[in-house]
C-alpha atoms as a PDB file:
ATOM      1  CA  UNK A   1      44.715 -33.639 -51.046  1.00  0.00           C
ATOM      2  CA  UNK A   2      42.654 -31.428 -48.846  1.00  0.00           C
ATOM      3  CA  UNK A   3      42.006 -31.715 -45.366  1.00  0.00           C
ATOM      4  CA  UNK A   4      38.917 -32.752 -45.708  1.00  0.00           C
ATOM      5  CA  UNK A   5      39.456 -36.052 -46.869  1.00  0.00           C
ATOM      6  CA  UNK A   6      41.427 -36.971 -44.309  1.00  0.00           C
ATOM      7  CA  UNK A   7      38.848 -36.831 -41.348  1.00  0.00           C
ATOM      8  CA  UNK A   8      36.093 -38.865 -40.609  1.00  0.00           C
ATOM      9  CA  UNK A   9      33.741 -38.519 -43.414  1.00  0.00           C
ATOM     10  CA  UNK A  10      30.140 -38.961 -40.930  1.00  0.00           C
ATOM     11  CA  UNK A  11      31.672 -35.884 -38.690  1.00  0.00           C
ATOM     12  CA  UNK A  12      33.745 -34.304 -41.307  1.00  0.00           C
ATOM     13  CA  UNK A  13      34.900 -32.156 -38.382  1.00  0.00           C
ATOM     14  CA  UNK A  14      37.387 -35.038 -36.320  1.00  0.00           C
ATOM     15  CA  UNK A  15      39.965 -36.288 -37.253  1.00  0.00           C
ATOM     16  CA  UNK A  16      38.800 -40.523 -38.200  1.00  0.00           C
ATOM     17  CA  UNK A  17      40.535 -43.139 -36.128  1.00  0.00           C
ATOM     18  CA  UNK A  18      44.029 -45.274 -36.770  1.00  0.00           C
ATOM     19  CA  UNK A  19      44.102 -42.257 -40.269  1.00  0.00           C
ATOM     20  CA  UNK A  20      48.142 -40.642 -39.542  1.00  0.00           C
ATOM     21  CA  UNK A  21      48.571 -37.213 -39.585  1.00  0.00           C
ATOM     22  CA  UNK A  22      51.545 -34.673 -39.831  1.00  0.00           C
ATOM     23  CA  UNK A  23      52.199 -32.129 -37.729  1.00  0.00           C
ATOM     24  CA  UNK A  24      52.818 -29.273 -39.852  1.00  0.00           C
ATOM     25  CA  UNK A  25      55.178 -26.913 -38.585  1.00  0.00           C
ATOM     26  CA  UNK A  26      57.057 -29.771 -36.421  1.00  0.00           C
ATOM     27  CA  UNK A  27      56.989 -32.276 -39.486  1.00  0.00           C
ATOM     28  CA  UNK A  28      55.843 -35.387 -37.128  1.00  0.00           C
ATOM     29  CA  UNK A  29      53.753 -37.795 -37.818  1.00  0.00           C
ATOM     30  CA  UNK A  30      50.234 -39.296 -35.296  1.00  0.00           C
ATOM     31  CA  UNK A  31      48.142 -42.092 -35.039  1.00  0.00           C
ATOM     32  CA  UNK A  32      44.904 -41.294 -34.367  1.00  0.00           C
ATOM     33  CA  UNK A  33      43.761 -43.639 -31.453  1.00  0.00           C
ATOM     34  CA  UNK A  34      40.038 -42.219 -30.547  1.00  0.00           C
ATOM     35  CA  UNK A  35      38.458 -39.121 -29.824  1.00  0.00           C
ATOM     36  CA  UNK A  36      38.475 -38.190 -25.948  1.00  0.00           C
ATOM     37  CA  UNK A  37      36.855 -36.181 -23.777  1.00  0.00           C
ATOM     38  CA  UNK A  38      38.848 -33.461 -21.542  1.00  0.00           C
ATOM     39  CA  UNK A  39      37.552 -33.796 -18.009  1.00  0.00           C
ATOM     40  CA  UNK A  40      39.521 -31.484 -15.747  1.00  0.00           C
ATOM     41  CA  UNK A  41      38.629 -29.246 -12.770  1.00  0.00           C
ATOM     42  CA  UNK A  42      41.458 -27.098 -13.079  1.00  0.00           C
ATOM     43  CA  UNK A  43      43.374 -24.798 -16.365  1.00  0.00           C
ATOM     44  CA  UNK A  44      45.042 -27.078 -18.535  1.00  0.00           C
ATOM     45  CA  UNK A  45      48.740 -26.342 -20.242  1.00  0.00           C
ATOM     46  CA  UNK A  46      50.362 -26.436 -22.929  1.00  0.00           C
ATOM     47  CA  UNK A  47      52.558 -29.692 -22.622  1.00  0.00           C
ATOM     48  CA  UNK A  48      51.223 -31.115 -19.123  1.00  0.00           C
ATOM     49  CA  UNK A  49      51.276 -34.253 -18.377  1.00  0.00           C
ATOM     50  CA  UNK A  50      47.859 -36.055 -18.746  1.00  0.00           C
ATOM     51  CA  UNK A  51      46.241 -39.530 -18.038  1.00  0.00           C
ATOM     52  CA  UNK A  52      44.766 -41.129 -21.027  1.00  0.00           C
ATOM     53  CA  UNK A  53      42.134 -43.902 -20.123  1.00  0.00           C
ATOM     54  CA  UNK A  54      39.525 -45.500 -21.780  1.00  0.00           C
ATOM     55  CA  UNK A  55      35.745 -45.934 -19.526  1.00  0.00           C
ATOM     56  CA  UNK A  56      33.887 -49.514 -20.077  1.00  0.00           C
ATOM     57  CA  UNK A  57      31.251 -47.574 -22.132  1.00  0.00           C
ATOM     58  CA  UNK A  58      34.901 -46.916 -24.512  1.00  0.00           C
ATOM     59  CA  UNK A  59      35.327 -42.923 -24.959  1.00  0.00           C
ATOM     60  CA  UNK A  60      38.622 -41.855 -24.046  1.00  0.00           C
ATOM     61  CA  UNK A  61      38.827 -39.840 -21.336  1.00  0.00           C
ATOM     62  CA  UNK A  62      41.521 -37.258 -20.810  1.00  0.00           C
ATOM     63  CA  UNK A  63      42.484 -35.926 -17.230  1.00  0.00           C
ATOM     64  CA  UNK A  64      46.373 -34.350 -15.577  1.00  0.00           C
ATOM     65  CA  UNK A  65      47.860 -37.024 -14.085  1.00  0.00           C
ATOM     66  CA  UNK A  66      47.295 -34.689 -10.559  1.00  0.00           C
ATOM     67  CA  UNK A  67      44.086 -34.748 -10.873  1.00  0.00           C
ATOM     68  CA  UNK A  68      44.076 -38.823 -11.672  1.00  0.00           C
ATOM     69  CA  UNK A  69      46.212 -39.755  -8.776  1.00  0.00           C
ATOM     70  CA  UNK A  70      44.948 -37.460  -6.118  1.00  0.00           C
ATOM     71  CA  UNK A  71      42.956 -40.026  -4.712  1.00  0.00           C
ATOM     72  CA  UNK A  72      39.827 -40.705  -6.402  1.00  0.00           C
ATOM     73  CA  UNK A  73      40.723 -43.049  -7.880  1.00  0.00           C
ATOM     74  CA  UNK A  74      41.652 -46.767  -7.019  1.00  0.00           C
ATOM     75  CA  UNK A  75      43.565 -49.776  -8.584  1.00  0.00           C
ATOM     76  CA  UNK A  76      40.600 -52.763  -9.413  1.00  0.00           C
ATOM     77  CA  UNK A  77      41.796 -55.844  -7.864  1.00  0.00           C
ATOM     78  CA  UNK A  78      41.803 -58.735 -10.172  1.00  0.00           C
END
């Protein structure tokens, strides 16, 4: 199977949500939850922990934990 068959047929450069992938070097298996957008004011390094969050518009966003917890977000009380 070619790599192109694993990606979204409507957008071949994007992985398909729900599709499982194997990392070729490390051998780990992963499931794609969705596409996200990285938003940061500082460079991100390998293995840096990130927060993945979903907006009201359904888009996933990714931000370093330090930026998420620096006061720009606050918990919503029900």
